[in-house]
N, C-alpha and C. Protein backbone atom coordinates (compact mmCIF):
# COMPACT_ATOMS: atom_id res chain seq x y z
N MET A 1 26.66 -48.39 45.48
CA MET A 1 28.02 -48.06 44.96
C MET A 1 28.98 -48.84 45.52
N ASP A 2 29.97 -49.08 44.40
CA ASP A 2 30.87 -49.52 44.23
C ASP A 2 32.20 -47.74 44.69
N LYS A 3 33.40 -48.57 44.72
CA LYS A 3 33.96 -47.56 45.10
C LYS A 3 34.07 -46.08 44.31
N ILE A 4 34.50 -47.30 43.03
CA ILE A 4 34.67 -46.16 41.97
C ILE A 4 33.58 -44.58 41.94
N ALA A 5 32.38 -45.45 42.17
CA ALA A 5 31.36 -44.60 42.15
C ALA A 5 31.02 -43.80 43.31
N ILE A 6 31.14 -44.15 43.93
CA ILE A 6 31.92 -43.54 45.34
C ILE A 6 32.76 -42.11 45.15
N GLY A 7 33.67 -42.49 44.55
CA GLY A 7 34.53 -41.69 44.30
C GLY A 7 34.25 -40.17 43.32
N LYS A 8 33.41 -40.46 42.57
CA LYS A 8 32.66 -39.85 41.26
C LYS A 8 31.36 -38.69 41.79
N HIS A 9 31.08 -39.80 42.53
CA HIS A 9 29.68 -38.69 43.59
C HIS A 9 30.74 -37.62 44.06
N THR A 10 31.19 -37.81 44.89
CA THR A 10 31.60 -37.35 46.17
C THR A 10 32.79 -36.02 45.06
N GLU A 11 33.16 -36.47 44.69
CA GLU A 11 33.69 -35.21 43.71
C GLU A 11 33.08 -34.02 43.33
N LEU A 12 31.70 -34.75 42.26
CA LEU A 12 30.61 -33.82 42.02
C LEU A 12 30.22 -33.61 43.23
N LEU A 13 30.28 -33.93 44.42
CA LEU A 13 29.11 -33.39 45.40
C LEU A 13 30.51 -31.69 45.59
N ALA A 14 31.15 -32.18 45.98
CA ALA A 14 32.78 -30.90 46.50
C ALA A 14 32.81 -30.04 45.07
N CYS A 15 32.70 -30.62 43.74
CA CYS A 15 32.60 -29.30 42.81
C CYS A 15 31.59 -28.34 42.52
N LYS A 16 29.66 -28.83 43.16
CA LYS A 16 28.90 -28.33 43.13
C LYS A 16 29.09 -27.58 44.15
N HIS A 17 29.45 -27.99 45.13
CA HIS A 17 29.70 -27.32 46.23
C HIS A 17 30.44 -25.81 46.39
N LEU A 18 32.30 -25.86 45.79
CA LEU A 18 32.31 -24.58 45.77
C LEU A 18 31.87 -23.95 43.96
N GLN A 19 31.03 -24.99 43.81
CA GLN A 19 30.91 -23.69 42.45
C GLN A 19 29.59 -22.81 43.41
N SER A 20 29.22 -23.18 44.37
CA SER A 20 28.03 -22.55 44.80
C SER A 20 28.49 -21.49 45.13
N GLN A 21 30.23 -21.08 45.90
CA GLN A 21 30.73 -20.82 46.52
C GLN A 21 31.65 -19.25 45.71
N GLY A 22 30.74 -19.99 44.23
CA GLY A 22 31.58 -19.06 43.35
C GLY A 22 32.47 -19.19 42.36
N MET A 23 33.16 -20.25 42.70
CA MET A 23 34.32 -21.11 41.94
C MET A 23 33.95 -21.52 40.58
N ILE A 24 34.55 -21.88 39.64
CA ILE A 24 34.74 -22.01 38.46
C ILE A 24 35.83 -23.08 38.33
N LEU A 25 35.10 -24.03 37.44
CA LEU A 25 35.77 -25.59 37.23
C LEU A 25 36.42 -25.24 36.44
N LYS A 26 37.84 -25.62 36.18
CA LYS A 26 38.80 -25.79 35.51
C LYS A 26 38.87 -27.35 34.80
N GLU A 27 39.03 -28.66 35.74
CA GLU A 27 39.47 -29.61 34.92
C GLU A 27 39.23 -30.30 36.28
N THR A 28 38.70 -31.64 35.46
CA THR A 28 39.03 -32.91 36.53
C THR A 28 39.64 -33.55 36.45
N ASN A 29 39.68 -34.02 37.67
CA ASN A 29 40.91 -35.18 37.58
C ASN A 29 42.33 -35.34 36.68
N TYR A 30 42.98 -34.17 36.72
CA TYR A 30 44.57 -33.91 36.19
C TYR A 30 45.26 -34.82 36.46
N ARG A 31 45.65 -36.05 35.51
CA ARG A 31 46.71 -37.24 35.96
C ARG A 31 47.61 -36.67 35.03
N CYS A 32 48.77 -37.29 36.01
CA CYS A 32 50.28 -37.30 35.41
C CYS A 32 50.91 -38.12 36.26
N LYS A 33 52.50 -38.28 35.51
CA LYS A 33 52.87 -39.09 36.28
C LYS A 33 53.19 -39.45 37.90
N GLN A 34 52.89 -37.98 38.58
CA GLN A 34 53.58 -37.86 39.99
C GLN A 34 51.91 -38.23 40.76
N GLY A 35 50.91 -38.11 40.23
CA GLY A 35 50.04 -38.52 40.95
C GLY A 35 48.60 -37.70 40.13
N GLU A 36 47.42 -37.18 40.44
CA GLU A 36 46.36 -36.78 40.66
C GLU A 36 46.05 -35.56 41.55
N ILE A 37 45.15 -34.35 40.31
CA ILE A 37 44.57 -33.88 40.81
C ILE A 37 42.92 -33.74 40.85
N ASP A 38 42.03 -33.90 41.50
CA ASP A 38 40.91 -34.27 41.65
C ASP A 38 40.44 -33.39 40.78
N LEU A 39 40.27 -32.01 41.36
CA LEU A 39 39.82 -30.62 40.97
C LEU A 39 40.45 -29.11 40.70
N ILE A 40 40.07 -29.10 39.40
CA ILE A 40 41.14 -27.90 39.70
C ILE A 40 40.23 -26.46 39.34
N MET A 41 40.02 -25.11 39.76
CA MET A 41 38.38 -24.55 40.70
C MET A 41 39.81 -22.97 39.94
N GLN A 42 38.91 -22.24 39.33
CA GLN A 42 39.55 -20.53 39.08
C GLN A 42 38.70 -19.58 40.44
N ASP A 43 39.35 -19.38 41.31
CA ASP A 43 38.92 -18.45 42.61
C ASP A 43 39.39 -17.09 42.33
N GLY A 44 37.91 -16.34 41.57
CA GLY A 44 39.41 -14.32 41.31
C GLY A 44 40.20 -14.95 40.38
N ASN A 45 41.48 -14.29 40.49
CA ASN A 45 42.56 -15.00 39.45
C ASN A 45 43.74 -15.67 40.07
N THR A 46 42.91 -16.83 41.24
CA THR A 46 43.51 -18.17 41.82
C THR A 46 43.48 -18.75 41.14
N LEU A 47 44.58 -20.01 41.09
CA LEU A 47 44.34 -21.64 40.72
C LEU A 47 44.37 -21.99 41.94
N VAL A 48 43.13 -23.13 41.69
CA VAL A 48 43.26 -23.66 43.52
C VAL A 48 43.12 -25.48 42.77
N PHE A 49 43.82 -26.01 43.41
CA PHE A 49 44.27 -26.97 43.41
C PHE A 49 43.35 -27.86 44.85
N VAL A 50 42.34 -28.95 44.11
CA VAL A 50 41.44 -29.59 45.61
C VAL A 50 41.78 -30.57 45.33
N GLU A 51 41.62 -31.43 46.36
CA GLU A 51 41.80 -32.54 46.96
C GLU A 51 40.59 -33.11 47.27
N VAL A 52 39.71 -33.95 47.26
CA VAL A 52 38.50 -34.01 48.01
C VAL A 52 38.61 -35.32 48.07
N ARG A 53 38.23 -35.65 49.55
CA ARG A 53 38.45 -37.12 50.38
C ARG A 53 36.96 -37.28 51.09
N TYR A 54 36.56 -38.25 51.39
CA TYR A 54 35.17 -39.08 51.60
C TYR A 54 35.22 -40.01 53.04
N ARG A 55 35.40 -39.89 54.14
CA ARG A 55 35.12 -41.49 55.45
C ARG A 55 33.93 -41.99 55.21
N LYS A 56 33.42 -42.59 55.18
CA LYS A 56 32.18 -42.89 55.76
C LYS A 56 32.14 -42.87 57.53
N SER A 57 32.66 -43.12 58.17
CA SER A 57 32.66 -43.22 59.33
C SER A 57 34.12 -42.27 59.87
N HIS A 58 34.36 -41.95 61.50
CA HIS A 58 35.68 -41.25 61.58
C HIS A 58 36.62 -42.35 62.26
N HIS A 59 36.29 -43.44 62.22
CA HIS A 59 36.86 -44.63 63.08
C HIS A 59 38.45 -44.78 62.79
N TYR A 60 38.88 -44.70 62.07
CA TYR A 60 40.03 -43.73 61.23
C TYR A 60 40.62 -42.41 61.07
N GLY A 61 40.14 -41.55 61.59
CA GLY A 61 39.85 -40.18 61.02
C GLY A 61 38.79 -39.82 60.34
N THR A 62 38.86 -38.32 60.49
CA THR A 62 38.09 -37.63 59.39
C THR A 62 39.19 -38.17 58.00
N ALA A 63 38.06 -37.69 56.90
CA ALA A 63 38.79 -37.52 55.40
C ALA A 63 40.01 -36.78 55.95
N ALA A 64 39.64 -35.02 55.84
CA ALA A 64 40.69 -34.15 56.27
C ALA A 64 41.94 -34.58 56.75
N GLU A 65 42.28 -35.36 57.90
CA GLU A 65 43.26 -35.80 58.31
C GLU A 65 44.01 -36.91 57.18
N SER A 66 43.15 -37.37 56.48
CA SER A 66 43.49 -38.26 55.71
C SER A 66 45.04 -37.60 54.41
N VAL A 67 45.02 -36.43 54.47
CA VAL A 67 45.03 -35.60 53.42
C VAL A 67 47.36 -35.19 53.85
N ASP A 68 47.47 -36.60 54.58
CA ASP A 68 48.85 -36.23 54.94
C ASP A 68 50.21 -35.67 53.56
N ALA A 69 51.55 -35.54 55.08
CA ALA A 69 52.55 -34.96 53.94
C ALA A 69 52.68 -35.27 52.79
N ARG A 70 52.74 -37.51 53.11
CA ARG A 70 53.37 -37.53 51.37
C ARG A 70 52.16 -37.32 50.64
N LYS A 71 50.71 -37.20 50.79
CA LYS A 71 50.01 -37.14 49.64
C LYS A 71 50.00 -35.35 49.46
N GLN A 72 50.48 -34.11 50.38
CA GLN A 72 49.91 -33.25 49.89
C GLN A 72 51.86 -33.38 48.88
N GLY A 73 52.74 -33.37 49.37
CA GLY A 73 54.19 -33.65 48.25
C GLY A 73 53.32 -34.02 47.15
N LYS A 74 52.78 -35.25 47.05
CA LYS A 74 52.44 -35.35 45.43
C LYS A 74 51.75 -34.61 44.80
N LEU A 75 50.77 -34.11 45.45
CA LEU A 75 50.02 -32.64 45.07
C LEU A 75 50.52 -31.35 44.33
N LEU A 76 51.77 -31.27 45.35
CA LEU A 76 52.55 -30.56 45.08
C LEU A 76 53.19 -30.67 43.41
N LEU A 77 54.00 -31.97 43.24
CA LEU A 77 54.24 -32.41 42.21
C LEU A 77 53.35 -32.52 40.89
N CYS A 78 51.98 -32.94 41.60
CA CYS A 78 51.49 -32.49 40.35
C CYS A 78 50.87 -31.08 39.82
N ALA A 79 50.48 -30.62 40.51
CA ALA A 79 50.78 -29.16 40.40
C ALA A 79 51.35 -28.64 39.70
N ASN A 80 52.92 -28.53 40.09
CA ASN A 80 54.04 -28.10 39.75
C ASN A 80 53.87 -28.66 38.32
N HIS A 81 53.73 -30.08 38.01
CA HIS A 81 53.57 -30.03 36.71
C HIS A 81 52.33 -29.47 35.55
N TYR A 82 51.19 -29.39 36.34
CA TYR A 82 50.03 -29.14 35.38
C TYR A 82 50.48 -27.28 35.22
N LEU A 83 51.41 -26.46 35.62
CA LEU A 83 51.30 -25.38 35.98
C LEU A 83 52.58 -25.19 34.76
N SER A 84 53.32 -26.39 34.25
CA SER A 84 54.03 -25.68 33.52
C SER A 84 53.60 -26.21 32.11
N ALA A 85 53.09 -27.65 32.35
CA ALA A 85 52.50 -27.53 31.13
C ALA A 85 51.69 -27.17 30.22
N LYS A 86 50.72 -25.83 31.07
CA LYS A 86 49.80 -25.01 30.89
C LYS A 86 50.22 -23.47 31.17
N LYS A 87 51.51 -23.64 31.21
CA LYS A 87 52.51 -22.27 31.12
C LYS A 87 51.87 -21.35 31.94
N LYS A 88 51.28 -21.74 33.54
CA LYS A 88 50.66 -20.94 33.92
C LYS A 88 52.04 -20.46 35.56
N GLN A 89 53.18 -21.20 35.20
CA GLN A 89 53.60 -21.14 36.70
C GLN A 89 53.60 -19.73 37.37
N HIS A 90 53.18 -18.42 37.09
CA HIS A 90 53.36 -17.13 37.62
C HIS A 90 52.07 -17.32 38.65
N GLN A 91 51.02 -18.02 38.01
CA GLN A 91 49.97 -17.78 38.88
C GLN A 91 49.56 -18.10 40.32
N PRO A 92 48.58 -17.31 40.78
CA PRO A 92 48.80 -17.80 42.10
C PRO A 92 47.90 -18.66 42.24
N CYS A 93 48.51 -20.08 43.24
CA CYS A 93 47.65 -20.43 43.48
C CYS A 93 47.53 -21.25 45.26
N ARG A 94 46.41 -21.87 45.17
CA ARG A 94 46.75 -22.61 46.55
C ARG A 94 46.00 -24.33 46.68
N PHE A 95 46.03 -24.08 47.77
CA PHE A 95 45.32 -26.15 47.88
C PHE A 95 44.73 -25.79 48.48
N ASP A 96 43.43 -26.70 48.47
CA ASP A 96 41.60 -26.58 49.66
C ASP A 96 41.76 -28.21 49.77
N VAL A 97 41.55 -28.01 50.33
CA VAL A 97 40.84 -29.86 50.74
C VAL A 97 39.23 -29.94 51.01
N VAL A 98 38.47 -30.59 50.14
CA VAL A 98 36.92 -30.60 50.62
C VAL A 98 36.87 -32.14 51.33
N SER A 99 36.15 -32.24 52.28
CA SER A 99 36.78 -33.27 52.90
C SER A 99 34.77 -33.44 53.43
N LEU A 100 34.67 -34.17 52.33
CA LEU A 100 32.95 -35.60 52.99
C LEU A 100 33.27 -36.27 54.10
N ASN A 101 32.05 -36.28 54.84
CA ASN A 101 32.21 -37.01 55.78
C ASN A 101 30.50 -37.82 56.71
N GLY A 102 30.73 -39.14 56.63
CA GLY A 102 29.27 -39.55 56.72
C GLY A 102 28.63 -40.45 56.25
N PRO A 103 27.16 -40.95 56.24
CA PRO A 103 26.79 -41.12 55.07
C PRO A 103 26.97 -40.93 53.99
N LEU A 104 26.33 -41.31 53.16
CA LEU A 104 25.94 -41.34 51.88
C LEU A 104 25.28 -40.34 51.60
N GLN A 105 23.77 -40.65 52.44
CA GLN A 105 22.42 -40.35 52.11
C GLN A 105 22.46 -38.84 53.13
N SER A 106 23.48 -38.15 53.98
CA SER A 106 23.59 -37.70 54.82
C SER A 106 25.02 -37.02 55.04
N ILE A 107 25.50 -36.75 53.91
CA ILE A 107 27.40 -35.96 53.96
C ILE A 107 27.67 -35.11 54.43
N ALA A 108 28.24 -34.70 54.71
CA ALA A 108 28.70 -33.20 56.13
C ALA A 108 30.52 -32.89 55.41
N ILE A 109 29.80 -32.23 54.48
CA ILE A 109 31.52 -31.16 53.54
C ILE A 109 31.95 -30.22 54.25
N ASP A 110 32.91 -30.04 54.45
CA ASP A 110 33.71 -29.56 55.21
C ASP A 110 35.06 -28.74 54.15
N TRP A 111 35.15 -27.80 53.86
CA TRP A 111 35.19 -27.03 52.64
C TRP A 111 36.80 -26.45 53.73
N ILE A 112 38.23 -26.49 53.11
CA ILE A 112 39.32 -26.11 53.89
C ILE A 112 40.10 -25.24 53.12
N PRO A 113 39.85 -23.83 52.36
CA PRO A 113 40.46 -23.76 52.24
C PRO A 113 42.01 -23.09 52.40
N ASP A 114 43.29 -22.88 51.81
CA ASP A 114 44.50 -23.02 51.84
C ASP A 114 44.77 -23.80 52.94
N ALA A 115 44.55 -25.15 52.86
CA ALA A 115 44.69 -25.92 53.41
C ALA A 115 46.11 -26.93 53.64
N PHE A 116 47.15 -26.32 53.59
CA PHE A 116 48.14 -26.60 53.21
C PHE A 116 49.37 -25.38 52.36
N ILE A 117 50.47 -25.47 52.72
CA ILE A 117 51.29 -24.64 51.82
C ILE A 117 51.83 -24.46 50.80
N SER A 118 52.48 -24.48 49.93
CA SER A 118 52.67 -24.85 48.77
C SER A 118 54.42 -24.03 48.74
N HIS A 119 55.30 -24.55 48.82
CA HIS A 119 56.47 -23.53 49.00
C HIS A 119 57.53 -23.75 48.18
N GLY A 120 56.65 -23.75 47.02
CA GLY A 120 57.56 -23.03 45.73
C GLY A 120 56.51 -22.27 45.26
N ASN A 121 55.04 -21.87 46.11
CA ASN A 121 54.38 -20.47 44.77
C ASN A 121 54.27 -19.27 46.10
């Protein structure tokens, strides 16, 4: 599998995992000039922006550890764009990370709700 196919595969696994937890998919791969949000889900009345990360090995740290302050800032900007574009500025929201680690044949999924704090919501 090439990098793009792996990305689509891991995003699908993450989405199915979140749906099994009762979340509803609203949008995938939301793009704007600020960046991209992998999954946008609904959890009750909360809009959830989800970053999906995959690492085959822990050689350079876990997938979750790769969501650094720079990436968090880009996600915040992109989420604000989405909220403005969809006129949902007052809807409760949060940022989750789904970290997938290990070989594709036996991926371990780690869902981290409220992975980091939005300082604007």
